Amino acid sequence: MKHAATILLALASLAVQAQPLRDPFARPAPPLRAASAEAEPDAPQHAPQLRAVMVAPGRALANINGQILAVGEWFGDYQLIKVEERGVTLSKRGVKSVLVLNEASRK
């Protein structure tokens, strides 16, 4: 009986160890644009609102509607083109738009 319990414990620990560990600091994979567009064809497109920017040497990020984006990444139909200290530039089908941080979002 003791031997069977030891074997069951060993098998249970192997099952737990088989699950890969996730890096808590890794950025989640961006959603697939085509799949999300097909899954929600009637979903309303929210206007992008700039919440925050982070500019550091070699790295710039923007928080648009709660989504953290690096230059070149997409927010719906908008591509993030440029990040500056007080705003960002987005492009949608070749048309550029500039979002600027307002006083309320900077606090």
PDB file of N, CA and C in Angstrom:
ATOM      1  N   MET A   1       0.814  -1.198   0.000  1.00  0.00           N
ATOM      2  CA  MET A   1       0.000   0.000   0.000  1.00  0.00           C
ATOM      3  C   MET A   1       0.859   1.264   0.000  1.00  0.00           C
ATOM      4  N   LYS A   2       1.934   1.237   0.788  1.00  0.00           N
ATOM      5  CA  LYS A   2       2.835   2.377   0.839  1.00  0.00           C
ATOM      6  C   LYS A   2       3.487   2.616  -0.521  1.00  0.00           C
ATOM      7  N   HIS A   3       3.797   1.523  -1.196  1.00  0.00           N
ATOM      8  CA  HIS A   3       4.437   1.601  -2.506  1.00  0.00           C
ATOM      9  C   HIS A   3       3.496   2.253  -3.535  1.00  0.00           C
ATOM     10  N   ALA A   4       2.215   1.908  -3.483  1.00  0.00           N
ATOM     11  CA  ALA A   4       1.232   2.475  -4.411  1.00  0.00           C
ATOM     12  C   ALA A   4       1.062   3.973  -4.171  1.00  0.00           C
ATOM     13  N   ALA A   5       1.058   4.383  -2.909  1.00  0.00           N
ATOM     14  CA  ALA A   5       0.927   5.804  -2.588  1.00  0.00           C
ATOM     15  C   ALA A   5       2.131   6.583  -3.092  1.00  0.00           C
ATOM     16  N   THR A   6       3.323   6.000  -2.976  1.00  0.00           N
ATOM     17  CA  THR A   6       4.539   6.649  -3.454  1.00  0.00           C
ATOM     18  C   THR A   6       4.488   6.825  -4.968  1.00  0.00           C
ATOM     19  N   ILE A   7       4.016   5.810  -5.656  1.00  0.00           N
ATOM     20  CA  ILE A   7       3.909   5.871  -7.121  1.00  0.00           C
ATOM     21  C   ILE A   7       2.898   6.949  -7.528  1.00  0.00           C
ATOM     22  N   LEU A   8       1.754   7.014  -6.829  1.00  0.00           N
ATOM     23  CA  LEU A   8       0.754   8.031  -7.146  1.00  0.00           C
ATOM     24  C   LEU A   8       1.296   9.439  -6.910  1.00  0.00           C
ATOM     25  N   LEU A   9       2.032   9.616  -5.825  1.00  0.00           N
ATOM     26  CA  LEU A   9       2.643  10.918  -5.556  1.00  0.00           C
ATOM     27  C   LEU A   9       3.644  11.295  -6.636  1.00  0.00           C
ATOM     28  N   ALA A  10       4.445  10.344  -7.067  1.00  0.00           N
ATOM     29  CA  ALA A  10       5.438  10.604  -8.110  1.00  0.00           C
ATOM     30  C   ALA A  10       4.754  10.981  -9.425  1.00  0.00           C
ATOM     31  N   LEU A  11       3.683  10.268  -9.771  1.00  0.00           N
ATOM     32  CA  LEU A  11       2.955  10.574 -11.005  1.00  0.00           C
ATOM     33  C   LEU A  11       2.293  11.952 -10.929  1.00  0.00           C
ATOM     34  N   ALA A  12       1.746  12.299  -9.777  1.00  0.00           N
ATOM     35  CA  ALA A  12       1.117  13.610  -9.621  1.00  0.00           C
ATOM     36  C   ALA A  12       2.146  14.727  -9.750  1.00  0.00           C
ATOM     37  N   SER A  13       3.325  14.533  -9.186  1.00  0.00           N
ATOM     38  CA  SER A  13       4.355  15.569  -9.286  1.00  0.00           C
ATOM     39  C   SER A  13       4.854  15.708 -10.718  1.00  0.00           C
ATOM     40  N   LEU A  14       4.898  14.605 -11.463  1.00  0.00           N
ATOM     41  CA  LEU A  14       5.294  14.690 -12.872  1.00  0.00           C
ATOM     42  C   LEU A  14       4.274  15.482 -13.681  1.00  0.00           C
ATOM     43  N   ALA A  15       2.993  15.301 -13.383  1.00  0.00           N
ATOM     44  CA  ALA A  15       1.954  16.031 -14.107  1.00  0.00           C
ATOM     45  C   ALA A  15       2.061  17.529 -13.840  1.00  0.00           C
ATOM     46  N   VAL A  16       2.362  17.895 -12.610  1.00  0.00           N
ATOM     47  CA  VAL A  16       2.510  19.309 -12.274  1.00  0.00           C
ATOM     48  C   VAL A  16       3.737  19.888 -12.955  1.00  0.00           C
ATOM     49  N   GLN A  17       4.818  19.140 -12.995  1.00  0.00           N
ATOM     50  CA  GLN A  17       6.050  19.619 -13.602  1.00  0.00           C
ATOM     51  C   GLN A  17       5.941  19.723 -15.118  1.00  0.00           C
ATOM     52  N   ALA A  18       5.024  19.000 -15.727  1.00  0.00           N
ATOM     53  CA  ALA A  18       4.893  18.999 -17.182  1.00  0.00           C
ATOM     54  C   ALA A  18       4.326  20.319 -17.704  1.00  0.00           C
ATOM     55  N   GLN A  19       3.628  21.075 -16.863  1.00  0.00           N
ATOM     56  CA  GLN A  19       3.057  22.341 -17.306  1.00  0.00           C
ATOM     57  C   GLN A  19       4.157  23.394 -17.400  1.00  0.00           C
ATOM     58  N   PRO A  20       4.277  24.068 -18.542  1.00  0.00           N
ATOM     59  CA  PRO A  20       5.333  25.082 -18.681  1.00  0.00           C
ATOM     60  C   PRO A  20       5.032  26.299 -17.811  1.00  0.00           C
ATOM     61  N   LEU A  21       6.078  26.892 -17.287  1.00  0.00           N
ATOM     62  CA  LEU A  21       5.928  28.101 -16.488  1.00  0.00           C
ATOM     63  C   LEU A  21       5.844  29.307 -17.412  1.00  0.00           C
ATOM     64  N   ARG A  22       5.001  30.251 -17.054  1.00  0.00           N
ATOM     65  CA  ARG A  22       4.827  31.463 -17.847  1.00  0.00           C
ATOM     66  C   ARG A  22       5.602  32.596 -17.194  1.00  0.00           C
ATOM     67  N   ASP A  23       6.317  33.336 -17.998  1.00  0.00           N
ATOM     68  CA  ASP A  23       7.069  34.486 -17.515  1.00  0.00           C
ATOM     69  C   ASP A  23       6.074  35.597 -17.174  1.00  0.00           C
ATOM     70  N   PRO A  24       5.981  36.018 -15.910  1.00  0.00           N
ATOM     71  CA  PRO A  24       4.983  37.030 -15.551  1.00  0.00           C
ATOM     72  C   PRO A  24       5.288  38.412 -16.133  1.00  0.00           C
ATOM     73  N   PHE A  25       6.518  38.631 -16.596  1.00  0.00           N
ATOM     74  CA  PHE A  25       6.891  39.929 -17.151  1.00  0.00           C
ATOM     75  C   PHE A  25       6.838  39.962 -18.675  1.00  0.00           C
ATOM     76  N   ALA A  26       6.554  38.842 -19.312  1.00  0.00           N
ATOM     77  CA  ALA A  26       6.486  38.793 -20.774  1.00  0.00           C
ATOM     78  C   ALA A  26       5.201  39.467 -21.244  1.00  0.00           C
ATOM     79  N   ARG A  27       5.292  40.224 -22.331  1.00  0.00           N
ATOM     80  CA  ARG A  27       4.105  40.854 -22.904  1.00  0.00           C
ATOM     81  C   ARG A  27       3.239  39.788 -23.551  1.00  0.00           C
ATOM     82  N   PRO A  28       1.932  39.861 -23.397  1.00  0.00           N
ATOM     83  CA  PRO A  28       1.067  38.871 -24.035  1.00  0.00           C
ATOM     84  C   PRO A  28       1.132  39.012 -25.550  1.00  0.00           C
ATOM     85  N   ALA A  29       0.898  37.905 -26.222  1.00  0.00           N
ATOM     86  CA  ALA A  29       0.917  37.926 -27.683  1.00  0.00           C
ATOM     87  C   ALA A  29      -0.220  38.816 -28.180  1.00  0.00           C
ATOM     88  N   PRO A  30       0.023  39.618 -29.210  1.00  0.00           N
ATOM     89  CA  PRO A  30      -1.052  40.470 -29.728  1.00  0.00           C
ATOM     90  C   PRO A  30      -2.143  39.605 -30.351  1.00  0.00           C
ATOM     91  N   PRO A  31      -3.396  40.026 -30.246  1.00  0.00           N
ATOM     92  CA  PRO A  31      -4.476  39.239 -30.839  1.00  0.00           C
ATOM     93  C   PRO A  31      -4.353  39.227 -32.352  1.00  0.00           C
ATOM     94  N   LEU A  32      -4.809  38.150 -32.943  1.00  0.00           N
ATOM     95  CA  LEU A  32      -4.785  38.048 -34.399  1.00  0.00           C
ATOM     96  C   LEU A  32      -5.820  39.001 -34.978  1.00  0.00           C
ATOM     97  N   ARG A  33      -5.374  39.877 -35.866  1.00  0.00           N
ATOM     98  CA  ARG A  33      -6.268  40.892 -36.421  1.00  0.00           C
ATOM     99  C   ARG A  33      -7.373  40.272 -37.265  1.00  0.00           C
ATOM    100  N   ALA A  34      -7.045  39.322 -38.111  1.00  0.00           N
ATOM    101  CA  ALA A  34      -8.044  38.737 -39.000  1.00  0.00           C
ATOM    102  C   ALA A  34      -9.076  37.953 -38.201  1.00  0.00           C
ATOM    103  N   ALA A  35      -8.635  37.190 -37.217  1.00  0.00           N
ATOM    104  CA  ALA A  35      -9.556  36.381 -36.426  1.00  0.00           C
ATOM    105  C   ALA A  35     -10.492  37.259 -35.608  1.00  0.00           C
ATOM    106  N   SER A  36      -9.980  38.315 -35.018  1.00  0.00           N
ATOM    107  CA  SER A  36     -10.835  39.185 -34.207  1.00  0.00           C
ATOM    108  C   SER A  36     -11.816  39.946 -35.091  1.00  0.00           C
ATOM    109  N   ALA A  37     -11.400  40.318 -36.287  1.00  0.00           N
ATOM    110  CA  ALA A  37     -12.297  41.026 -37.196  1.00  0.00           C
ATOM    111  C   ALA A  37     -13.420  40.109 -37.666  1.00  0.00           C
ATOM    112  N   GLU A  38     -13.114  38.834 -37.909  1.00  0.00           N
ATOM    113  CA  GLU A  38     -14.137  37.896 -38.334  1.00  0.00           C
ATOM    114  C   GLU A  38     -15.054  37.525 -37.181  1.00  0.00           C
ATOM    115  N   ALA A  39     -14.503  37.431 -35.966  1.00  0.00           N
ATOM    116  CA  ALA A  39     -15.300  37.021 -34.824  1.00  0.00           C
ATOM    117  C   ALA A  39     -16.286  38.111 -34.413  1.00  0.00           C
ATOM    118  N   GLU A  40     -15.936  39.381 -34.580  1.00  0.00           N
ATOM    119  CA  GLU A  40     -16.781  40.485 -34.163  1.00  0.00           C
ATOM    120  C   GLU A  40     -16.966  41.490 -35.308  1.00  0.00           C
ATOM    121  N   PRO A  41     -17.678  41.117 -36.371  1.00  0.00           N
ATOM    122  CA  PRO A  41     -17.792  42.031 -37.502  1.00  0.00           C
ATOM    123  C   PRO A  41     -18.608  43.278 -37.191  1.00  0.00           C
ATOM    124  N   ASP A  42     -19.570  43.210 -36.244  1.00  0.00           N
ATOM    125  CA  ASP A  42     -20.434  44.342 -35.948  1.00  0.00           C
ATOM    126  C   ASP A  42     -19.992  45.115 -34.714  1.00  0.00           C
ATOM    127  N   ALA A  43     -18.833  44.772 -34.149  1.00  0.00           N
ATOM    128  CA  ALA A  43     -18.364  45.456 -32.949  1.00  0.00           C
ATOM    129  C   ALA A  43     -18.009  46.904 -33.289  1.00  0.00           C
ATOM    130  N   PRO A  44     -18.477  47.849 -32.479  1.00  0.00           N
ATOM    131  CA  PRO A  44     -18.143  49.251 -32.767  1.00  0.00           C
ATOM    132  C   PRO A  44     -16.671  49.525 -32.516  1.00  0.00           C
ATOM    133  N   GLN A  45     -16.074  50.337 -33.363  1.00  0.00           N
ATOM    134  CA  GLN A  45     -14.663  50.704 -33.222  1.00  0.00           C
ATOM    135  C   GLN A  45     -14.595  51.924 -32.316  1.00  0.00           C
ATOM    136  N   HIS A  46     -13.939  51.769 -31.159  1.00  0.00           N
ATOM    137  CA  HIS A  46     -13.805  52.888 -30.229  1.00  0.00           C
ATOM    138  C   HIS A  46     -12.694  53.813 -30.702  1.00  0.00           C
ATOM    139  N   ALA A  47     -12.922  55.093 -30.559  1.00  0.00           N
ATOM    140  CA  ALA A  47     -11.901  56.075 -30.927  1.00  0.00           C
ATOM    141  C   ALA A  47     -10.710  55.921 -29.984  1.00  0.00           C
ATOM    142  N   PRO A  48      -9.504  55.922 -30.510  1.00  0.00           N
ATOM    143  CA  PRO A  48      -8.331  55.765 -29.644  1.00  0.00           C
ATOM    144  C   PRO A  48      -8.154  56.971 -28.730  1.00  0.00           C
ATOM    145  N   GLN A  49      -7.869  56.686 -27.455  1.00  0.00           N
ATOM    146  CA  GLN A  49      -7.583  57.734 -26.478  1.00  0.00           C
ATOM    147  C   GLN A  49      -6.222  57.444 -25.872  1.00  0.00           C
ATOM    148  N   LEU A  50      -5.354  58.412 -25.908  1.00  0.00           N
ATOM    149  CA  LEU A  50      -4.015  58.263 -25.354  1.00  0.00           C
ATOM    150  C   LEU A  50      -4.073  58.459 -23.848  1.00  0.00           C
ATOM    151  N   ARG A  51      -3.640  57.435 -23.105  1.00  0.00           N
ATOM    152  CA  ARG A  51      -3.663  57.505 -21.644  1.00  0.00           C
ATOM    153  C   ARG A  51      -2.292  57.818 -21.061  1.00  0.00           C
ATOM    154  N   ALA A  52      -1.231  57.283 -21.687  1.00  0.00           N
ATOM    155  CA  ALA A  52       0.120  57.497 -21.149  1.00  0.00           C
ATOM    156  C   ALA A  52       1.147  57.170 -22.217  1.00  0.00           C
ATOM    157  N   VAL A  53       2.343  57.709 -22.053  1.00  0.00           N
ATOM    158  CA  VAL A  53       3.479  57.359 -22.907  1.00  0.00           C
ATOM    159  C   VAL A  53       4.686  57.099 -22.023  1.00  0.00           C
ATOM    160  N   MET A  54       5.588  56.268 -22.508  1.00  0.00           N
ATOM    161  CA  MET A  54       6.853  56.022 -21.838  1.00  0.00           C
ATOM    162  C   MET A  54       7.932  56.083 -22.903  1.00  0.00           C
ATOM    163  N   VAL A  55       8.836  57.038 -22.770  1.00  0.00           N
ATOM    164  CA  VAL A  55       9.915  57.198 -23.734  1.00  0.00           C
ATOM    165  C   VAL A  55      11.227  56.985 -23.000  1.00  0.00           C
ATOM    166  N   ALA A  56      11.989  55.991 -23.451  1.00  0.00           N
ATOM    167  CA  ALA A  56      13.300  55.682 -22.875  1.00  0.00           C
ATOM    168  C   ALA A  56      14.256  55.450 -24.033  1.00  0.00           C
ATOM    169  N   PRO A  57      15.554  55.541 -23.791  1.00  0.00           N
ATOM    170  CA  PRO A  57      16.512  55.296 -24.877  1.00  0.00           C
ATOM    171  C   PRO A  57      16.300  53.910 -25.505  1.00  0.00           C
ATOM    172  N   GLY A  58      16.024  53.897 -26.783  1.00  0.00           N
ATOM    173  CA  GLY A  58      15.845  52.640 -27.510  1.00  0.00           C
ATOM    174  C   GLY A  58      14.483  51.999 -27.351  1.00  0.00           C
ATOM    175  N   ARG A  59      13.571  52.604 -26.593  1.00  0.00           N
ATOM    176  CA  ARG A  59      12.265  51.982 -26.362  1.00  0.00           C
ATOM    177  C   ARG A  59      11.221  53.060 -26.091  1.00  0.00           C
ATOM    178  N   ALA A  60      10.102  52.989 -26.775  1.00  0.00           N
ATOM    179  CA  ALA A  60       9.003  53.924 -26.537  1.00  0.00           C
ATOM    180  C   ALA A  60       7.694  53.144 -26.586  1.00  0.00           C
ATOM    181  N   LEU A  61       6.840  53.370 -25.593  1.00  0.00           N
ATOM    182  CA  LEU A  61       5.558  52.679 -25.504  1.00  0.00           C
ATOM    183  C   LEU A  61       4.446  53.697 -25.314  1.00  0.00           C
ATOM    184  N   ALA A  62       3.249  53.327 -25.743  1.00  0.00           N
ATOM    185  CA  ALA A  62       2.080  54.182 -25.554  1.00  0.00           C
ATOM    186  C   ALA A  62       0.937  53.337 -25.019  1.00  0.00           C
ATOM    187  N   ASN A  63       0.157  53.915 -24.118  1.00  0.00           N
ATOM    188  CA  ASN A  63      -1.043  53.274 -23.595  1.00  0.00           C
ATOM    189  C   ASN A  63      -2.227  53.917 -24.302  1.00  0.00           C
ATOM    190  N   ILE A  64      -2.842  53.154 -25.199  1.00  0.00           N
ATOM    191  CA  ILE A  64      -3.995  53.642 -25.946  1.00  0.00           C
ATOM    192  C   ILE A  64      -5.192  52.793 -25.544  1.00  0.00           C
ATOM    193  N   ASN A  65      -6.174  53.423 -24.917  1.00  0.00           N
ATOM    194  CA  ASN A  65      -7.375  52.733 -24.418  1.00  0.00           C
ATOM    195  C   ASN A  65      -7.018  51.526 -23.546  1.00  0.00           C
ATOM    196  N   GLY A  66      -5.936  51.612 -22.789  1.00  0.00           N
ATOM    197  CA  GLY A  66      -5.548  50.527 -21.895  1.00  0.00           C
ATOM    198  C   GLY A  66      -4.662  49.478 -22.533  1.00  0.00           C
ATOM    199  N   GLN A  67      -4.398  49.581 -23.812  1.00  0.00           N
ATOM    200  CA  GLN A  67      -3.547  48.623 -24.520  1.00  0.00           C
ATOM    201  C   GLN A  67      -2.154  49.227 -24.682  1.00  0.00           C
ATOM    202  N   ILE A  68      -1.124  48.487 -24.241  1.00  0.00           N
ATOM    203  CA  ILE A  68       0.253  48.960 -24.337  1.00  0.00           C
ATOM    204  C   ILE A  68       0.796  48.595 -25.717  1.00  0.00           C
ATOM    205  N   LEU A  69       1.275  49.612 -26.451  1.00  0.00           N
ATOM    206  CA  LEU A  69       1.757  49.408 -27.818  1.00  0.00           C
ATOM    207  C   LEU A  69       3.156  49.974 -27.990  1.00  0.00           C
ATOM    208  N   ALA A  70       3.953  49.294 -28.799  1.00  0.00           N
ATOM    209  CA  ALA A  70       5.252  49.800 -29.233  1.00  0.00           C
ATOM    210  C   ALA A  70       5.086  50.310 -30.662  1.00  0.00           C
ATOM    211  N   VAL A  71       6.039  51.086 -31.121  1.00  0.00           N
ATOM    212  CA  VAL A  71       5.985  51.620 -32.483  1.00  0.00           C
ATOM    213  C   VAL A  71       5.883  50.457 -33.472  1.00  0.00           C
ATOM    214  N   GLY A  72       4.964  50.577 -34.431  1.00  0.00           N
ATOM    215  CA  GLY A  72       4.749  49.542 -35.436  1.00  0.00           C
ATOM    216  C   GLY A  72       3.599  48.607 -35.103  1.00  0.00           C
ATOM    217  N   GLU A  73       3.131  48.597 -33.856  1.00  0.00           N
ATOM    218  CA  GLU A  73       2.028  47.713 -33.475  1.00  0.00           C
ATOM    219  C   GLU A  73       0.692  48.369 -33.800  1.00  0.00           C
ATOM    220  N   TRP A  74      -0.373  47.559 -33.750  1.00  0.00           N
ATOM    221  CA  TRP A  74      -1.691  47.993 -34.197  1.00  0.00           C
ATOM    222  C   TRP A  74      -2.667  48.116 -33.041  1.00  0.00           C
ATOM    223  N   PHE A  75      -3.550  49.103 -33.124  1.00  0.00           N
ATOM    224  CA  PHE A  75      -4.714  49.258 -32.259  1.00  0.00           C
ATOM    225  C   PHE A  75      -5.913  49.308 -33.194  1.00  0.00           C
ATOM    226  N   GLY A  76      -6.579  48.191 -33.357  1.00  0.00           N
ATOM    227  CA  GLY A  76      -7.663  48.109 -34.331  1.00  0.00           C
ATOM    228  C   GLY A  76      -7.122  48.372 -35.724  1.00  0.00           C
ATOM    229  N   ASP A  77      -7.664  49.388 -36.401  1.00  0.00           N
ATOM    230  CA  ASP A  77      -7.215  49.761 -37.747  1.00  0.00           C
ATOM    231  C   ASP A  77      -6.074  50.771 -37.728  1.00  0.00           C
ATOM    232  N   TYR A  78      -5.661  51.202 -36.546  1.00  0.00           N
ATOM    233  CA  TYR A  78      -4.621  52.223 -36.410  1.00  0.00           C
ATOM    234  C   TYR A  78      -3.263  51.578 -36.135  1.00  0.00           C
ATOM    235  N   GLN A  79      -2.240  52.063 -36.821  1.00  0.00           N
ATOM    236  CA  GLN A  79      -0.871  51.614 -36.550  1.00  0.00           C
ATOM    237  C   GLN A  79      -0.129  52.746 -35.850  1.00  0.00           C
ATOM    238  N   LEU A  80       0.585  52.384 -34.769  1.00  0.00           N
ATOM    239  CA  LEU A  80       1.360  53.377 -34.030  1.00  0.00           C
ATOM    240  C   LEU A  80       2.632  53.669 -34.811  1.00  0.00           C
ATOM    241  N   ILE A  81       2.795  54.911 -35.239  1.00  0.00           N
ATOM    242  CA  ILE A  81       3.919  55.321 -36.077  1.00  0.00           C
ATOM    243  C   ILE A  81       5.042  55.948 -35.257  1.00  0.00           C
ATOM    244  N   LYS A  82       4.672  56.797 -34.285  1.00  0.00           N
ATOM    245  CA  LYS A  82       5.690  57.557 -33.553  1.00  0.00           C
ATOM    246  C   LYS A  82       5.203  57.832 -32.133  1.00  0.00           C
ATOM    247  N   VAL A  83       6.141  57.761 -31.158  1.00  0.00           N
ATOM    248  CA  VAL A  83       5.833  58.084 -29.764  1.00  0.00           C
ATOM    249  C   VAL A  83       6.757  59.210 -29.326  1.00  0.00           C
ATOM    250  N   GLU A  84       6.164  60.269 -28.791  1.00  0.00           N
ATOM    251  CA  GLU A  84       6.933  61.400 -28.266  1.00  0.00           C
ATOM    252  C   GLU A  84       6.512  61.638 -26.817  1.00  0.00           C
ATOM    253  N   GLU A  85       7.184  62.567 -26.145  1.00  0.00           N
ATOM    254  CA  GLU A  85       6.924  62.809 -24.728  1.00  0.00           C
ATOM    255  C   GLU A  85       5.487  63.223 -24.430  1.00  0.00           C
ATOM    256  N   ARG A  86       4.868  63.968 -25.318  1.00  0.00           N
ATOM    257  CA  ARG A  86       3.522  64.475 -25.045  1.00  0.00           C
ATOM    258  C   ARG A  86       2.452  63.952 -26.001  1.00  0.00           C
ATOM    259  N   GLY A  87       2.803  63.011 -26.875  1.00  0.00           N
ATOM    260  CA  GLY A  87       1.804  62.510 -27.795  1.00  0.00           C
ATOM    261  C   GLY A  87       2.324  61.412 -28.696  1.00  0.00           C
ATOM    262  N   VAL A  88       1.419  60.904 -29.534  1.00  0.00           N
ATOM    263  CA  VAL A  88       1.758  59.831 -30.468  1.00  0.00           C
ATOM    264  C   VAL A  88       1.169  60.153 -31.837  1.00  0.00           C
ATOM    265  N   THR A  89       1.718  59.503 -32.855  1.00  0.00           N
ATOM    266  CA  THR A  89       1.187  59.610 -34.211  1.00  0.00           C
ATOM    267  C   THR A  89       0.695  58.235 -34.631  1.00  0.00           C
ATOM    268  N   LEU A  90      -0.552  58.190 -35.105  1.00  0.00           N
ATOM    269  CA  LEU A  90      -1.164  56.956 -35.590  1.00  0.00           C
ATOM    270  C   LEU A  90      -1.437  57.096 -37.082  1.00  0.00           C
ATOM    271  N   SER A  91      -1.508  55.958 -37.766  1.00  0.00           N
ATOM    272  CA  SER A  91      -1.852  55.959 -39.182  1.00  0.00           C
ATOM    273  C   SER A  91      -2.989  54.970 -39.409  1.00  0.00           C
ATOM    274  N   LYS A  92      -4.014  55.422 -40.132  1.00  0.00           N
ATOM    275  CA  LYS A  92      -5.141  54.554 -40.482  1.00  0.00           C
ATOM    276  C   LYS A  92      -5.381  54.693 -41.973  1.00  0.00           C
ATOM    277  N   ARG A  93      -5.063  53.641 -42.710  1.00  0.00           N
ATOM    278  CA  ARG A  93      -5.219  53.625 -44.171  1.00  0.00           C
ATOM    279  C   ARG A  93      -4.524  54.810 -44.827  1.00  0.00           C
ATOM    280  N   GLY A  94      -3.315  55.110 -44.347  1.00  0.00           N
ATOM    281  CA  GLY A  94      -2.512  56.169 -44.936  1.00  0.00           C
ATOM    282  C   GLY A  94      -2.777  57.565 -44.394  1.00  0.00           C
ATOM    283  N   VAL A  95      -3.809  57.719 -43.571  1.00  0.00           N
ATOM    284  CA  VAL A  95      -4.127  59.022 -42.985  1.00  0.00           C
ATOM    285  C   VAL A  95      -3.528  59.076 -41.583  1.00  0.00           C
ATOM    286  N   LYS A  96      -2.699  60.085 -41.327  1.00  0.00           N
ATOM    287  CA  LYS A  96      -2.035  60.207 -40.027  1.00  0.00           C
ATOM    288  C   LYS A  96      -2.881  61.040 -39.067  1.00  0.00           C
ATOM    289  N   SER A  97      -2.891  60.606 -37.807  1.00  0.00           N
ATOM    290  CA  SER A  97      -3.579  61.323 -36.733  1.00  0.00           C
ATOM    291  C   SER A  97      -2.615  61.486 -35.575  1.00  0.00           C
ATOM    292  N   VAL A  98      -2.719  62.601 -34.873  1.00  0.00           N
ATOM    293  CA  VAL A  98      -1.867  62.856 -33.714  1.00  0.00           C
ATOM    294  C   VAL A  98      -2.753  62.887 -32.473  1.00  0.00           C
ATOM    295  N   LEU A  99      -2.386  62.093 -31.466  1.00  0.00           N
ATOM    296  CA  LEU A  99      -3.059  62.117 -30.170  1.00  0.00           C
ATOM    297  C   LEU A  99      -2.117  62.774 -29.177  1.00  0.00           C
ATOM    298  N   VAL A 100      -2.631  63.711 -28.408  1.00  0.00           N
ATOM    299  CA  VAL A 100      -1.815  64.449 -27.447  1.00  0.00           C
ATOM    300  C   VAL A 100      -2.327  64.161 -26.041  1.00  0.00           C
ATOM    301  N   LEU A 101      -1.393  64.011 -25.095  1.00  0.00           N
ATOM    302  CA  LEU A 101      -1.781  63.846 -23.699  1.00  0.00           C
ATOM    303  C   LEU A 101      -2.418  65.131 -23.198  1.00  0.00           C
ATOM    304  N   ASN A 102      -3.521  65.003 -22.483  1.00  0.00           N
ATOM    305  CA  ASN A 102      -4.108  66.193 -21.868  1.00  0.00           C
ATOM    306  C   ASN A 102      -3.713  66.229 -20.393  1.00  0.00           C
ATOM    307  N   GLU A 103      -4.007  67.315 -19.725  1.00  0.00           N
ATOM    308  CA  GLU A 103      -3.593  67.491 -18.325  1.00  0.00           C
ATOM    309  C   GLU A 103      -4.170  66.405 -17.426  1.00  0.00           C
ATOM    310  N   ALA A 104      -5.421  65.987 -17.654  1.00  0.00           N
ATOM    311  CA  ALA A 104      -6.053  64.981 -16.798  1.00  0.00           C
ATOM    312  C   ALA A 104      -5.345  63.641 -16.894  1.00  0.00           C
ATOM    313  N   SER A 105      -4.880  63.260 -18.075  1.00  0.00           N
ATOM    314  CA  SER A 105      -4.222  61.961 -18.236  1.00  0.00           C
ATOM    315  C   SER A 105      -2.788  61.977 -17.747  1.00  0.00           C
ATOM    316  N   ARG A 106      -2.196  63.161 -17.575  1.00  0.00           N
ATOM    317  CA  ARG A 106      -0.804  63.237 -17.130  1.00  0.00           C
ATOM    318  C   ARG A 106      -0.673  63.161 -15.618  1.00  0.00           C
ATOM    319  N   LYS A 107      -1.769  63.212 -14.871  1.00  0.00           N
ATOM    320  CA  LYS A 107      -1.710  63.191 -13.401  1.00  0.00           C
ATOM    321  C   LYS A 107      -1.781  61.795 -12.859  1.00  0.00           C
TER     322      LYS A 107
END
